[in-house]
Amino acid sequence: MPEEEKLVNYYSCSYWKGKVPRQGWVYLSINHLCFYSFLMGREAKLVIRWVDITQLEKNATLLFPDMIKVSTRSSEHFFSVFLNISETFKLMEQLANIAMRQLLDNEGFEQDRSLPKLKKKSPKKVSALKRDLDARAKSERYRALFRLPKDEKLDGHTDCTLWTPFNKMHILGQMFVSTNYICFTSKEENLCSLIIPLREVTIVEKADSSSVLPSPLSISTKNRMTFLFANLKDRDFLVQRISDFLQQTTSKIYLDKNISGSYISSDDEVFTRSSSLISASPHKSLSSESEGERQFNLNDNGIPTATQALMTMYRRRSPEEFNPKLAKEFLKEQAWKIHFAEYGQGVCMYRTEKTRDLVLKGIPESMRGELWLLFSGRF
């Protein structure tokens, strides 16, 4: 093995070489799956690269209810008698997926910057490296679940309940906190989910606890929506973490405003110079002409008549208004407006099964830009 190879974990198991099982240890590293056994003076070694594996299966037979089958292009290997087969198989899948990404990405496997890096002279403990890989996998699942940016890192999650005003219930689920977002998803699939960017948060405060609502937490946003979470195990620590992330987000926004403000000020100088040149020209300004025309039009149509009132009430409709496509678009718009009034509008809206059904029925053309950005993760 090369010196830079990193061992993740190892497990006791049996490797079936022919019809005879060999009891030993399977070693899982970043790039290889290895097995070693030495019993009764016989040695058995196996080294397989993750990139050579074509399939991983967890099978069950009458003789061995738990068995892992590792398939390559040229052979098949069977492992059994695991103390914890679920953990072993999960780690195998994770390492195989990392190897596949390394093949697809020319730059190779890049570790998360937020995770501690290995030093050459001080080898890392197996449990610590496995913990880092688990953290990476959790962040990937978190980003995929809520369609978040690729650089978003999950800080932690906890069980809680969310008060939903549209059905007046406390929904059991999980709250996820990351660098730039607070998210929630219900235990029951597609019941309710939330995505709250920290840039939209204005107030995070602890509400009064009661027997009905223990350890509540209130989060308010800029669009005047308030979310009430409860049954939080470590509320004080959670509030502190959210406050730290809010402070970082506020400083980023302030820095971006200063940078953009410098560009805007330079543009304003150019605009003031050009406007001064226009005002100094001897020609008559266009604004006075437009004001005169506007005044003339007001004098013409300023006095209402009975004919105008009748025309507005009993106006002739164009043939386009009887188009079934336009009528269908109108019904879609009304359905979305009713949905927004009940579940909120914008990034922080309550996303329920009704939201999914409305998307499947079709998005109206007038709202396509807003809703596409909202549900595609480009918020």
Protein backbone atom coordinates (compact mmCIF):
# COMPACT_ATOMS: atom_id res chain seq x y z
CA MET A 1 0.00 0.00 0.00
CA PRO A 2 1.22 3.54 -0.66
CA GLU A 3 2.27 5.60 2.35
CA GLU A 4 -0.47 8.20 1.81
CA GLU A 5 -3.23 5.56 1.96
CA LYS A 6 -5.64 6.28 4.83
CA LEU A 7 -7.36 3.52 6.77
CA VAL A 8 -10.97 4.32 7.62
CA ASN A 9 -12.06 1.28 9.63
CA TYR A 10 -11.70 -2.50 9.90
CA TYR A 11 -14.15 -5.26 10.81
CA SER A 12 -14.01 -8.93 11.76
CA CYS A 13 -15.59 -11.23 9.18
CA SER A 14 -15.20 -14.40 7.12
CA TYR A 15 -14.07 -14.43 3.49
CA TRP A 16 -15.24 -17.31 1.34
CA LYS A 17 -12.31 -18.51 -0.73
CA GLY A 18 -13.78 -21.33 -2.74
CA LYS A 19 -15.96 -23.43 -0.44
CA VAL A 20 -13.90 -22.79 2.69
CA PRO A 21 -14.48 -19.68 4.85
CA ARG A 22 -11.40 -17.82 6.08
CA GLN A 23 -11.91 -15.95 9.33
CA GLY A 24 -10.01 -12.67 9.42
CA TRP A 25 -10.31 -8.91 9.11
CA VAL A 26 -11.58 -6.71 6.29
CA TYR A 27 -9.81 -3.34 6.06
CA LEU A 28 -11.58 -0.40 4.40
CA SER A 29 -9.37 2.48 3.26
CA ILE A 30 -9.95 5.48 1.01
CA ASN A 31 -8.95 3.65 -2.19
CA HIS A 32 -8.94 -0.09 -1.36
CA LEU A 33 -10.92 -2.93 0.17
CA CYS A 34 -8.53 -5.44 1.74
CA PHE A 35 -8.83 -8.72 3.61
CA TYR A 36 -6.21 -10.61 5.61
CA SER A 37 -6.36 -13.95 7.39
CA PHE A 38 -3.75 -16.21 8.94
CA LEU A 39 -5.09 -19.43 10.42
CA MET A 40 -3.56 -22.89 10.74
CA GLY A 41 -0.41 -21.73 8.98
CA ARG A 42 -2.34 -20.55 5.92
CA GLU A 43 -2.36 -16.97 4.82
CA ALA A 44 -5.10 -15.34 2.75
CA LYS A 45 -4.82 -11.86 1.23
CA LEU A 46 -7.20 -9.87 -0.92
CA VAL A 47 -6.79 -6.34 -2.29
CA ILE A 48 -9.52 -4.72 -4.42
CA ARG A 49 -9.59 -1.13 -5.59
CA TRP A 50 -12.90 0.65 -5.11
CA VAL A 51 -12.83 1.84 -8.72
CA ASP A 52 -12.75 -1.80 -9.89
CA ILE A 53 -15.93 -2.72 -8.00
CA THR A 54 -19.01 -2.86 -10.21
CA GLN A 55 -21.62 -3.89 -7.66
CA LEU A 56 -22.12 -4.15 -3.89
CA GLU A 57 -24.95 -6.32 -2.59
CA LYS A 58 -26.17 -7.38 0.83
CA ASN A 59 -27.56 -10.89 0.40
CA ALA A 60 -29.24 -13.37 2.72
CA THR A 61 -28.96 -17.16 2.43
CA LEU A 62 -30.21 -20.06 4.51
CA LEU A 63 -26.73 -20.83 5.79
CA PHE A 64 -25.71 -17.20 6.39
CA PRO A 65 -28.54 -14.68 6.78
CA ASP A 66 -26.13 -11.74 6.42
CA MET A 67 -23.63 -11.73 3.57
CA ILE A 68 -21.98 -9.01 1.45
CA LYS A 69 -21.24 -9.73 -2.18
CA VAL A 70 -18.51 -7.67 -3.87
CA SER A 71 -18.49 -7.93 -7.67
CA THR A 72 -15.75 -6.80 -10.02
CA ARG A 73 -15.48 -7.17 -13.78
CA SER A 74 -13.66 -10.49 -13.49
CA SER A 75 -14.68 -12.08 -10.16
CA GLU A 76 -17.09 -12.18 -7.23
CA HIS A 77 -16.18 -12.15 -3.53
CA PHE A 78 -18.36 -13.07 -0.55
CA PHE A 79 -17.99 -11.88 3.06
CA SER A 80 -20.08 -13.03 6.03
CA VAL A 81 -20.23 -13.36 9.84
CA PHE A 82 -20.18 -9.62 10.55
CA LEU A 83 -20.78 -8.20 14.01
CA ASN A 84 -22.50 -5.16 12.47
CA ILE A 85 -23.23 -5.76 8.80
CA SER A 86 -25.31 -2.60 8.34
CA GLU A 87 -22.49 -0.30 9.43
CA THR A 88 -19.94 -2.20 7.31
CA PHE A 89 -22.09 -2.17 4.18
CA LYS A 90 -22.95 1.51 4.59
CA LEU A 91 -19.26 2.44 4.84
CA MET A 92 -18.45 0.29 1.79
CA GLU A 93 -21.10 2.10 -0.25
CA GLN A 94 -19.81 5.48 0.84
CA LEU A 95 -16.20 4.72 -0.06
CA ALA A 96 -17.22 3.22 -3.41
CA ASN A 97 -19.22 6.36 -4.24
CA ILE A 98 -16.24 8.56 -3.37
CA ALA A 99 -14.06 6.49 -5.70
CA MET A 100 -16.58 6.89 -8.53
CA ARG A 101 -16.62 10.65 -8.07
CA GLN A 102 -12.85 10.65 -8.16
CA LEU A 103 -13.00 9.00 -11.57
CA LEU A 104 -15.55 11.47 -12.89
CA ASP A 105 -13.74 14.51 -11.51
CA ASN A 106 -10.39 15.26 -13.12
CA GLU A 107 -9.29 17.26 -10.11
CA GLY A 108 -9.64 14.17 -7.92
CA PHE A 109 -11.16 13.73 -4.52
CA GLU A 110 -11.24 17.03 -2.67
CA GLN A 111 -11.81 16.96 1.06
CA ASP A 112 -14.12 19.45 2.72
CA ARG A 113 -12.25 22.47 4.01
CA SER A 114 -14.36 22.48 7.13
CA LEU A 115 -13.18 18.99 8.08
CA PRO A 116 -9.81 18.59 9.82
CA LYS A 117 -7.04 17.59 7.44
CA LEU A 118 -4.50 14.86 7.95
CA LYS A 119 -0.90 15.66 8.76
CA LYS A 120 1.86 13.57 7.23
CA LYS A 121 3.80 12.98 10.45
CA SER A 122 0.81 12.40 12.73
CA PRO A 123 -1.46 9.62 11.42
CA LYS A 124 -5.12 10.12 12.14
CA LYS A 125 -7.15 7.79 14.28
CA VAL A 126 -9.52 5.47 12.48
CA SER A 127 -12.60 6.67 14.36
CA ALA A 128 -11.83 10.34 13.61
CA LEU A 129 -11.46 9.74 9.87
CA LYS A 130 -14.68 7.76 9.79
CA ARG A 131 -16.43 10.58 11.65
CA ASP A 132 -15.25 13.05 9.01
CA LEU A 133 -16.59 10.84 6.22
CA ASP A 134 -19.91 10.50 8.03
CA ALA A 135 -20.11 14.29 8.36
CA ARG A 136 -19.45 14.65 4.63
CA ALA A 137 -22.18 12.12 3.81
CA LYS A 138 -24.68 13.88 6.08
CA SER A 139 -23.96 17.23 4.42
CA GLU A 140 -24.49 15.69 0.99
CA ARG A 141 -27.86 14.23 2.02
CA TYR A 142 -28.83 17.56 3.59
CA ARG A 143 -28.01 19.51 0.41
CA ALA A 144 -29.86 17.00 -1.76
CA LEU A 145 -32.95 17.01 0.48
CA PHE A 146 -33.40 20.80 0.46
CA ARG A 147 -31.65 21.63 -2.87
CA LEU A 148 -29.02 23.84 -1.25
CA PRO A 149 -25.73 25.14 -2.72
CA LYS A 150 -22.83 22.71 -3.05
CA ASP A 151 -20.67 24.50 -0.49
CA GLU A 152 -23.29 24.38 2.28
CA LYS A 153 -22.11 22.38 5.32
CA LEU A 154 -24.48 20.86 7.85
CA ASP A 155 -23.68 21.91 11.41
CA GLY A 156 -26.20 19.68 13.18
CA HIS A 157 -29.80 18.51 13.42
CA THR A 158 -32.25 17.81 16.23
CA ASP A 159 -35.76 16.46 16.70
CA CYS A 160 -38.48 19.05 17.28
CA THR A 161 -42.05 20.03 16.47
CA LEU A 162 -43.27 22.84 14.21
CA TRP A 163 -46.53 24.73 14.66
CA THR A 164 -48.30 24.93 11.29
CA PRO A 165 -50.96 27.68 11.20
CA PHE A 166 -52.66 26.35 8.06
CA ASN A 167 -53.92 23.22 9.86
CA LYS A 168 -53.27 24.33 13.48
CA MET A 169 -51.14 21.33 14.41
CA HIS A 170 -47.74 20.58 15.91
CA ILE A 171 -45.88 18.49 13.31
CA LEU A 172 -43.10 16.18 14.46
CA GLY A 173 -39.90 16.42 12.45
CA GLN A 174 -36.26 17.47 12.42
CA MET A 175 -34.59 20.87 12.35
CA PHE A 176 -31.34 21.23 10.40
CA VAL A 177 -28.93 24.11 11.02
CA SER A 178 -26.11 24.98 8.63
CA THR A 179 -23.93 27.97 7.86
CA ASN A 180 -26.57 29.89 5.89
CA TYR A 181 -29.88 28.06 6.37
CA ILE A 182 -32.35 26.72 8.93
CA CYS A 183 -34.41 23.88 7.48
CA PHE A 184 -37.18 21.61 8.70
CA THR A 185 -38.73 18.43 7.37
CA SER A 186 -41.53 16.39 8.87
CA LYS A 187 -41.20 12.76 9.91
CA GLU A 188 -44.13 11.94 7.66
CA GLU A 189 -43.03 12.25 4.05
CA ASN A 190 -44.22 15.31 2.08
CA LEU A 191 -46.28 16.59 5.02
CA CYS A 192 -44.36 19.85 5.52
CA SER A 193 -40.90 21.29 4.97
CA LEU A 194 -39.24 24.66 5.46
CA ILE A 195 -36.19 26.45 4.09
CA ILE A 196 -35.29 29.63 5.98
CA PRO A 197 -32.19 31.50 4.74
CA LEU A 198 -30.41 33.24 7.59
CA ARG A 199 -30.28 36.43 5.52
CA GLU A 200 -34.09 36.57 5.87
CA VAL A 201 -34.11 36.07 9.66
CA THR A 202 -34.72 39.14 11.82
CA ILE A 203 -35.43 37.76 15.32
CA VAL A 204 -34.54 34.49 17.08
CA GLU A 205 -35.89 34.31 20.61
CA LYS A 206 -36.78 31.77 23.26
CA ALA A 207 -40.48 31.73 24.11
CA ASP A 208 -41.96 30.83 27.49
CA SER A 209 -42.10 27.10 28.17
CA SER A 210 -45.25 25.32 29.25
CA SER A 211 -46.50 21.78 29.69
CA VAL A 212 -48.20 21.96 26.30
CA LEU A 213 -45.28 23.67 24.54
CA PRO A 214 -41.92 22.74 26.14
CA SER A 215 -38.73 24.57 25.10
CA PRO A 216 -40.23 26.69 22.31
CA LEU A 217 -38.16 28.74 19.87
CA SER A 218 -39.57 31.57 17.74
CA ILE A 219 -37.96 32.65 14.45
CA SER A 220 -39.21 35.75 12.60
CA THR A 221 -38.33 36.73 9.03
CA LYS A 222 -38.34 39.90 6.95
CA ASN A 223 -41.61 39.03 5.20
CA ARG A 224 -43.39 39.07 8.59
CA MET A 225 -43.63 35.31 9.00
CA THR A 226 -43.07 33.71 12.39
CA PHE A 227 -42.15 30.05 12.87
CA LEU A 228 -42.64 28.37 16.23
CA PHE A 229 -40.51 25.31 17.03
CA ALA A 230 -40.85 23.33 20.26
CA ASN A 231 -39.64 20.19 22.07
CA LEU A 232 -36.01 21.12 21.48
CA LYS A 233 -33.56 19.07 23.55
CA ASP A 234 -30.77 21.65 23.92
CA ARG A 235 -32.45 24.94 23.13
CA ASP A 236 -29.79 27.21 24.65
CA PHE A 237 -26.98 25.67 22.62
CA LEU A 238 -29.11 25.80 19.46
CA VAL A 239 -29.90 29.49 19.94
CA GLN A 240 -26.21 30.21 20.47
CA ARG A 241 -25.23 28.40 17.25
CA ILE A 242 -27.91 30.20 15.24
CA SER A 243 -26.81 33.54 16.71
CA ASP A 244 -23.20 32.84 15.69
CA PHE A 245 -24.23 32.01 12.13
CA LEU A 246 -26.49 35.08 12.02
CA GLN A 247 -23.59 37.29 13.03
CA GLN A 248 -21.43 35.81 10.26
CA THR A 249 -24.23 36.29 7.73
CA THR A 250 -24.78 39.90 8.78
CA SER A 251 -21.09 40.69 8.42
CA LYS A 252 -21.06 39.11 4.93
CA ILE A 253 -24.08 41.16 3.85
CA TYR A 254 -22.50 44.35 5.23
CA LEU A 255 -19.26 43.63 3.36
CA ASP A 256 -21.13 42.94 0.11
CA LYS A 257 -23.06 46.19 0.48
CA ASN A 258 -19.86 48.16 0.95
CA ILE A 259 -18.33 46.59 -2.14
CA SER A 260 -21.43 47.16 -4.26
CA GLY A 261 -21.82 50.66 -2.83
CA SER A 262 -18.43 51.67 -4.18
CA TYR A 263 -19.51 50.65 -7.69
CA ILE A 264 -22.84 52.44 -7.34
CA SER A 265 -21.17 55.66 -6.20
CA SER A 266 -18.91 55.66 -9.25
CA ASP A 267 -21.93 55.11 -11.49
CA ASP A 268 -23.75 58.00 -9.79
CA GLU A 269 -20.85 60.32 -10.55
CA VAL A 270 -21.06 59.44 -14.24
CA PHE A 271 -24.82 59.94 -14.18
CA THR A 272 -24.59 63.36 -12.50
CA ARG A 273 -22.00 64.50 -15.01
CA SER A 274 -24.14 63.42 -17.94
CA SER A 275 -27.25 65.03 -16.45
CA SER A 276 -25.40 68.31 -15.94
CA LEU A 277 -24.37 68.29 -19.59
CA ILE A 278 -27.96 67.69 -20.67
CA SER A 279 -29.29 70.52 -18.49
CA ALA A 280 -26.66 72.89 -19.90
CA SER A 281 -27.78 72.25 -23.50
CA PRO A 282 -29.81 75.08 -25.15
CA HIS A 283 -32.48 72.70 -26.44
CA LYS A 284 -35.83 72.46 -24.75
CA SER A 285 -36.15 69.61 -22.26
CA LEU A 286 -38.34 66.67 -23.08
CA SER A 287 -39.87 66.61 -19.62
CA SER A 288 -41.74 69.88 -20.17
CA GLU A 289 -43.17 68.58 -23.43
CA SER A 290 -44.32 65.36 -21.81
CA GLU A 291 -45.91 67.30 -18.95
CA GLY A 292 -47.75 69.46 -21.44
CA GLU A 293 -49.02 66.46 -23.32
CA ARG A 294 -50.07 64.80 -20.07
CA GLN A 295 -51.94 67.93 -19.00
CA PHE A 296 -53.66 68.12 -22.37
CA ASN A 297 -54.81 64.51 -22.09
CA LEU A 298 -56.13 65.06 -18.60
CA ASN A 299 -58.14 68.04 -19.73
CA ASP A 300 -59.66 65.99 -22.54
CA ASN A 301 -60.65 62.95 -20.45
CA GLY A 302 -60.93 64.56 -17.07
CA ILE A 303 -64.74 64.82 -17.07
CA PRO A 304 -66.44 61.41 -16.76
CA THR A 305 -69.55 60.75 -18.82
CA ALA A 306 -72.34 58.19 -18.67
CA THR A 307 -71.08 56.65 -21.89
CA GLN A 308 -67.67 55.95 -20.36
CA ALA A 309 -69.22 54.29 -17.31
CA LEU A 310 -71.40 52.05 -19.46
CA MET A 311 -68.44 51.13 -21.63
CA THR A 312 -66.42 50.04 -18.62
CA MET A 313 -69.28 47.95 -17.22
CA TYR A 314 -70.54 46.47 -20.48
CA ARG A 315 -67.40 46.58 -22.54
CA ARG A 316 -67.02 44.34 -25.53
CA ARG A 317 -64.68 41.48 -24.85
CA SER A 318 -62.13 40.49 -27.43
CA PRO A 319 -62.21 36.96 -28.85
CA GLU A 320 -58.89 36.23 -27.09
CA GLU A 321 -60.56 36.40 -23.67
CA PHE A 322 -62.73 33.42 -24.57
CA ASN A 323 -59.63 31.35 -25.36
CA PRO A 324 -59.62 28.18 -23.18
CA LYS A 325 -55.84 28.43 -22.73
CA LEU A 326 -56.16 31.90 -21.22
CA ALA A 327 -58.96 30.70 -18.96
CA LYS A 328 -56.79 27.82 -17.79
CA GLU A 329 -53.90 30.18 -17.06
CA PHE A 330 -56.25 32.41 -15.08
CA LEU A 331 -57.41 29.46 -12.95
CA LYS A 332 -53.80 28.45 -12.28
CA GLU A 333 -52.93 31.96 -11.15
CA GLN A 334 -55.91 32.06 -8.80
CA ALA A 335 -54.98 28.67 -7.33
CA TRP A 336 -51.42 29.84 -6.62
CA LYS A 337 -52.65 33.12 -5.09
CA ILE A 338 -54.93 31.19 -2.74
CA HIS A 339 -52.04 28.88 -1.87
CA PHE A 340 -49.74 31.83 -1.12
CA ALA A 341 -52.37 33.40 1.13
CA GLU A 342 -52.62 30.19 3.17
CA TYR A 343 -49.03 28.89 3.20
CA GLY A 344 -46.99 32.06 2.68
CA GLN A 345 -45.03 33.31 -0.31
CA GLY A 346 -41.32 33.35 -1.05
CA VAL A 347 -38.43 31.21 0.10
CA CYS A 348 -39.78 30.80 3.64
CA MET A 349 -43.18 29.44 2.59
CA TYR A 350 -44.57 26.20 4.03
CA ARG A 351 -43.91 23.51 1.42
CA THR A 352 -46.57 20.81 1.62
CA GLU A 353 -48.07 18.11 -0.55
CA LYS A 354 -50.49 20.70 -1.94
CA THR A 355 -47.50 22.71 -3.17
CA ARG A 356 -46.21 19.65 -4.99
CA ASP A 357 -49.62 19.00 -6.55
CA LEU A 358 -49.84 22.58 -7.80
CA VAL A 359 -46.42 22.28 -9.43
CA LEU A 360 -47.46 19.04 -11.14
CA LYS A 361 -50.65 20.65 -12.44
CA GLY A 362 -48.60 23.37 -14.09
CA ILE A 363 -47.10 26.75 -13.30
CA PRO A 364 -48.74 29.84 -14.85
CA GLU A 365 -46.62 31.82 -17.27
CA SER A 366 -46.83 35.01 -15.22
CA MET A 367 -45.31 33.24 -12.17
CA ARG A 368 -42.91 30.94 -13.97
CA GLY A 369 -39.78 32.98 -13.27
CA GLU A 370 -40.46 33.39 -9.55
CA LEU A 371 -41.54 29.80 -8.92
CA TRP A 372 -38.76 28.29 -11.01
CA LEU A 373 -36.15 30.11 -8.93
CA LEU A 374 -37.99 29.11 -5.76
CA PHE A 375 -38.30 25.36 -6.37
CA SER A 376 -35.10 24.76 -8.33
CA GLY A 377 -32.87 25.82 -5.45
CA ARG A 378 -31.66 29.08 -7.05
CA PHE A 379 -32.89 31.24 -4.16
